[in-house]
């Protein structure tokens, strides 16, 4: 598994910093994902994580990818810096994950449209849905 991690932090005036990290199932667990193989399909489940909002009660199936297929997962979260009420600080994460079942060429995610799309983005100050911006998928 290869991850392209991009961070834009207020502390660095939102100058993006990025890096490529490789890892296996342990790295997937750090991202609150469960990857398993069932009958040749790559099954991707989202595990409950540390997000303050939205909270997730249990595992949620994102998709099951046939060999050669790509899945796109989008989500956003609010995380608290501490569980102590004395520190109400929080930070925001916006995720875009592209996951493939099989080897990908260097430009594979750019040249191919994913077969599966899951969008779990929400309005981070409450409410059930993120406002529509008139975009497609």
C-alpha atoms as a PDB file:
ATOM      1  CA  UNK A   1       0.000   0.000   0.000  1.00  0.00           C
ATOM      2  CA  UNK A   2       1.308   3.442  -0.926  1.00  0.00           C
ATOM      3  CA  UNK A   3      -0.068   6.664   0.577  1.00  0.00           C
ATOM      4  CA  UNK A   4       0.466  10.182  -0.725  1.00  0.00           C
ATOM      5  CA  UNK A   5      -0.081  12.280   2.401  1.00  0.00           C
ATOM      6  CA  UNK A   6      -0.691  16.021   1.925  1.00  0.00           C
ATOM      7  CA  UNK A   7      -0.867  18.377   4.907  1.00  0.00           C
ATOM      8  CA  UNK A   8      -1.835  22.058   4.841  1.00  0.00           C
ATOM      9  CA  UNK A   9      -1.625  23.397   8.401  1.00  0.00           C
ATOM     10  CA  UNK A  10      -2.531  26.803   9.791  1.00  0.00           C
ATOM     11  CA  UNK A  11       0.756  26.783  11.746  1.00  0.00           C
ATOM     12  CA  UNK A  12       2.666  26.809   8.428  1.00  0.00           C
ATOM     13  CA  UNK A  13       0.280  29.294   6.757  1.00  0.00           C
ATOM     14  CA  UNK A  14      -1.347  26.451   4.820  1.00  0.00           C
ATOM     15  CA  UNK A  15       1.737  25.802   2.715  1.00  0.00           C
ATOM     16  CA  UNK A  16       1.204  22.208   1.576  1.00  0.00           C
ATOM     17  CA  UNK A  17       3.721  19.591   2.691  1.00  0.00           C
ATOM     18  CA  UNK A  18       3.507  16.162   1.175  1.00  0.00           C
ATOM     19  CA  UNK A  19       5.219  12.821   1.245  1.00  0.00           C
ATOM     20  CA  UNK A  20       4.772   9.276   0.053  1.00  0.00           C
ATOM     21  CA  UNK A  21       4.530   6.591   2.693  1.00  0.00           C
ATOM     22  CA  UNK A  22       4.434   2.865   2.046  1.00  0.00           C
ATOM     23  CA  UNK A  23       3.124   0.256   4.378  1.00  0.00           C
ATOM     24  CA  UNK A  24       0.866  -2.719   4.612  1.00  0.00           C
ATOM     25  CA  UNK A  25      -2.098  -3.623   6.743  1.00  0.00           C
ATOM     26  CA  UNK A  26      -0.630  -1.823   9.751  1.00  0.00           C
ATOM     27  CA  UNK A  27      -0.634   1.461   7.823  1.00  0.00           C
ATOM     28  CA  UNK A  28      -4.236   0.851   6.743  1.00  0.00           C
ATOM     29  CA  UNK A  29      -5.248   0.358  10.403  1.00  0.00           C
ATOM     30  CA  UNK A  30      -3.601   3.688  11.284  1.00  0.00           C
ATOM     31  CA  UNK A  31      -6.034   5.240   8.789  1.00  0.00           C
ATOM     32  CA  UNK A  32      -8.954   3.374  10.409  1.00  0.00           C
ATOM     33  CA  UNK A  33      -9.334   1.076   7.401  1.00  0.00           C
ATOM     34  CA  UNK A  34      -9.648  -2.683   7.276  1.00  0.00           C
ATOM     35  CA  UNK A  35      -8.457  -4.389   4.102  1.00  0.00           C
ATOM     36  CA  UNK A  36      -9.213  -8.036   3.454  1.00  0.00           C
ATOM     37  CA  UNK A  37      -9.405 -10.343   0.453  1.00  0.00           C
ATOM     38  CA  UNK A  38     -12.522 -12.418  -0.181  1.00  0.00           C
ATOM     39  CA  UNK A  39     -12.756 -14.527  -3.375  1.00  0.00           C
ATOM     40  CA  UNK A  40     -10.229 -12.283  -5.139  1.00  0.00           C
ATOM     41  CA  UNK A  41     -12.048  -9.079  -4.189  1.00  0.00           C
ATOM     42  CA  UNK A  42     -10.365  -6.437  -2.023  1.00  0.00           C
ATOM     43  CA  UNK A  43     -12.869  -5.581   0.717  1.00  0.00           C
ATOM     44  CA  UNK A  44     -12.416  -2.112   2.228  1.00  0.00           C
ATOM     45  CA  UNK A  45     -14.168  -1.296   5.510  1.00  0.00           C
ATOM     46  CA  UNK A  46     -14.001   1.948   7.505  1.00  0.00           C
ATOM     47  CA  UNK A  47     -13.357   1.288  11.195  1.00  0.00           C
ATOM     48  CA  UNK A  48     -14.479   3.503  14.082  1.00  0.00           C
ATOM     49  CA  UNK A  49     -11.792   6.130  14.662  1.00  0.00           C
ATOM     50  CA  UNK A  50     -10.970   9.028  16.940  1.00  0.00           C
ATOM     51  CA  UNK A  51     -13.041  11.680  15.177  1.00  0.00           C
ATOM     52  CA  UNK A  52     -15.039  13.946  17.453  1.00  0.00           C
ATOM     53  CA  UNK A  53     -17.514  14.487  14.606  1.00  0.00           C
ATOM     54  CA  UNK A  54     -19.019  12.638  12.876  1.00  0.00           C
ATOM     55  CA  UNK A  55     -18.826   9.662  15.227  1.00  0.00           C
ATOM     56  CA  UNK A  56     -19.050   6.164  13.823  1.00  0.00           C
ATOM     57  CA  UNK A  57     -20.442   3.346  15.917  1.00  0.00           C
ATOM     58  CA  UNK A  58     -19.025   0.343  14.112  1.00  0.00           C
ATOM     59  CA  UNK A  59     -17.353  -0.842  10.934  1.00  0.00           C
ATOM     60  CA  UNK A  60     -18.876   0.348   7.652  1.00  0.00           C
ATOM     61  CA  UNK A  61     -18.355  -1.335   4.289  1.00  0.00           C
ATOM     62  CA  UNK A  62     -16.967   1.128   1.744  1.00  0.00           C
ATOM     63  CA  UNK A  63     -16.607  -1.177  -1.247  1.00  0.00           C
ATOM     64  CA  UNK A  64     -15.431  -4.551  -2.539  1.00  0.00           C
ATOM     65  CA  UNK A  65     -13.097  -4.155  -5.504  1.00  0.00           C
ATOM     66  CA  UNK A  66     -12.724  -6.752  -8.218  1.00  0.00           C
ATOM     67  CA  UNK A  67      -9.178  -7.169  -9.615  1.00  0.00           C
ATOM     68  CA  UNK A  68      -8.238  -4.037 -11.574  1.00  0.00           C
ATOM     69  CA  UNK A  69     -11.000  -1.879 -10.062  1.00  0.00           C
ATOM     70  CA  UNK A  70     -10.518   1.444  -8.260  1.00  0.00           C
ATOM     71  CA  UNK A  71     -12.564   2.870  -5.378  1.00  0.00           C
ATOM     72  CA  UNK A  72     -12.793   6.518  -4.292  1.00  0.00           C
ATOM     73  CA  UNK A  73     -13.584   7.368  -0.660  1.00  0.00           C
ATOM     74  CA  UNK A  74     -14.196  10.949   0.474  1.00  0.00           C
ATOM     75  CA  UNK A  75     -14.797  12.006   4.057  1.00  0.00           C
ATOM     76  CA  UNK A  76     -14.171  14.884   6.410  1.00  0.00           C
ATOM     77  CA  UNK A  77     -13.793  14.974  10.181  1.00  0.00           C
ATOM     78  CA  UNK A  78     -13.327  17.170  13.210  1.00  0.00           C
ATOM     79  CA  UNK A  79     -10.780  15.935  15.747  1.00  0.00           C
ATOM     80  CA  UNK A  80     -10.176  17.330  19.204  1.00  0.00           C
ATOM     81  CA  UNK A  81      -6.659  17.970  20.428  1.00  0.00           C
ATOM     82  CA  UNK A  82      -7.542  16.632  23.880  1.00  0.00           C
ATOM     83  CA  UNK A  83     -10.487  14.980  25.621  1.00  0.00           C
ATOM     84  CA  UNK A  84     -10.152  17.521  28.444  1.00  0.00           C
ATOM     85  CA  UNK A  85     -12.861  20.203  28.520  1.00  0.00           C
ATOM     86  CA  UNK A  86     -10.079  22.625  29.498  1.00  0.00           C
ATOM     87  CA  UNK A  87      -8.765  22.504  25.892  1.00  0.00           C
ATOM     88  CA  UNK A  88     -11.551  22.973  23.337  1.00  0.00           C
ATOM     89  CA  UNK A  89      -9.094  23.066  20.393  1.00  0.00           C
ATOM     90  CA  UNK A  90      -9.922  21.010  17.357  1.00  0.00           C
ATOM     91  CA  UNK A  91      -8.594  20.407  13.873  1.00  0.00           C
ATOM     92  CA  UNK A  92     -10.143  19.405  10.599  1.00  0.00           C
ATOM     93  CA  UNK A  93      -9.234  16.686   8.102  1.00  0.00           C
ATOM     94  CA  UNK A  94     -10.548  16.230   4.580  1.00  0.00           C
ATOM     95  CA  UNK A  95      -9.813  12.817   3.073  1.00  0.00           C
ATOM     96  CA  UNK A  96      -9.693  11.687  -0.514  1.00  0.00           C
ATOM     97  CA  UNK A  97      -8.589   8.079  -0.836  1.00  0.00           C
ATOM     98  CA  UNK A  98      -8.146   6.186  -4.067  1.00  0.00           C
ATOM     99  CA  UNK A  99      -7.740   2.462  -3.552  1.00  0.00           C
ATOM    100  CA  UNK A 100      -7.010  -0.109  -6.241  1.00  0.00           C
ATOM    101  CA  UNK A 101      -7.168  -3.885  -6.245  1.00  0.00           C
ATOM    102  CA  UNK A 102      -3.924  -4.753  -7.986  1.00  0.00           C
ATOM    103  CA  UNK A 103      -0.863  -3.005  -9.299  1.00  0.00           C
ATOM    104  CA  UNK A 104      -1.244   0.493 -10.705  1.00  0.00           C
ATOM    105  CA  UNK A 105       0.914   2.354 -13.180  1.00  0.00           C
ATOM    106  CA  UNK A 106       2.320   5.639 -11.922  1.00  0.00           C
ATOM    107  CA  UNK A 107      -0.545   7.609 -13.545  1.00  0.00           C
ATOM    108  CA  UNK A 108      -3.226   4.942 -13.054  1.00  0.00           C
ATOM    109  CA  UNK A 109      -5.353   6.930 -10.628  1.00  0.00           C
ATOM    110  CA  UNK A 110      -5.260   9.961 -12.909  1.00  0.00           C
ATOM    111  CA  UNK A 111      -6.104   8.200 -16.156  1.00  0.00           C
ATOM    112  CA  UNK A 112      -8.894   5.918 -14.892  1.00  0.00           C
ATOM    113  CA  UNK A 113     -12.219   6.882 -13.378  1.00  0.00           C
ATOM    114  CA  UNK A 114     -12.994   4.854 -10.223  1.00  0.00           C
ATOM    115  CA  UNK A 115     -15.679   2.177 -10.512  1.00  0.00           C
ATOM    116  CA  UNK A 116     -16.853   2.791  -6.911  1.00  0.00           C
ATOM    117  CA  UNK A 117     -17.550   6.139  -5.208  1.00  0.00           C
ATOM    118  CA  UNK A 118     -18.342   6.669  -1.520  1.00  0.00           C
ATOM    119  CA  UNK A 119     -18.777  10.230  -0.217  1.00  0.00           C
ATOM    120  CA  UNK A 120     -19.201  10.564   3.556  1.00  0.00           C
ATOM    121  CA  UNK A 121     -18.502  14.300   3.765  1.00  0.00           C
ATOM    122  CA  UNK A 122     -20.741  16.167   6.187  1.00  0.00           C
ATOM    123  CA  UNK A 123     -21.286  19.703   7.413  1.00  0.00           C
ATOM    124  CA  UNK A 124     -18.795  19.808  10.297  1.00  0.00           C
ATOM    125  CA  UNK A 125     -20.894  22.076  12.517  1.00  0.00           C
ATOM    126  CA  UNK A 126     -23.860  19.727  12.629  1.00  0.00           C
ATOM    127  CA  UNK A 127     -26.493  18.769  10.106  1.00  0.00           C
ATOM    128  CA  UNK A 128     -26.844  15.627   8.093  1.00  0.00           C
ATOM    129  CA  UNK A 129     -25.492  16.574   4.674  1.00  0.00           C
ATOM    130  CA  UNK A 130     -22.737  18.686   3.237  1.00  0.00           C
ATOM    131  CA  UNK A 131     -24.255  21.445   1.063  1.00  0.00           C
ATOM    132  CA  UNK A 132     -24.316  20.642  -2.644  1.00  0.00           C
ATOM    133  CA  UNK A 133     -21.898  22.663  -4.733  1.00  0.00           C
ATOM    134  CA  UNK A 134     -23.292  21.577  -8.066  1.00  0.00           C
ATOM    135  CA  UNK A 135     -20.360  19.278  -8.828  1.00  0.00           C
ATOM    136  CA  UNK A 136     -20.689  15.831 -10.339  1.00  0.00           C
ATOM    137  CA  UNK A 137     -19.518  12.752  -8.506  1.00  0.00           C
END
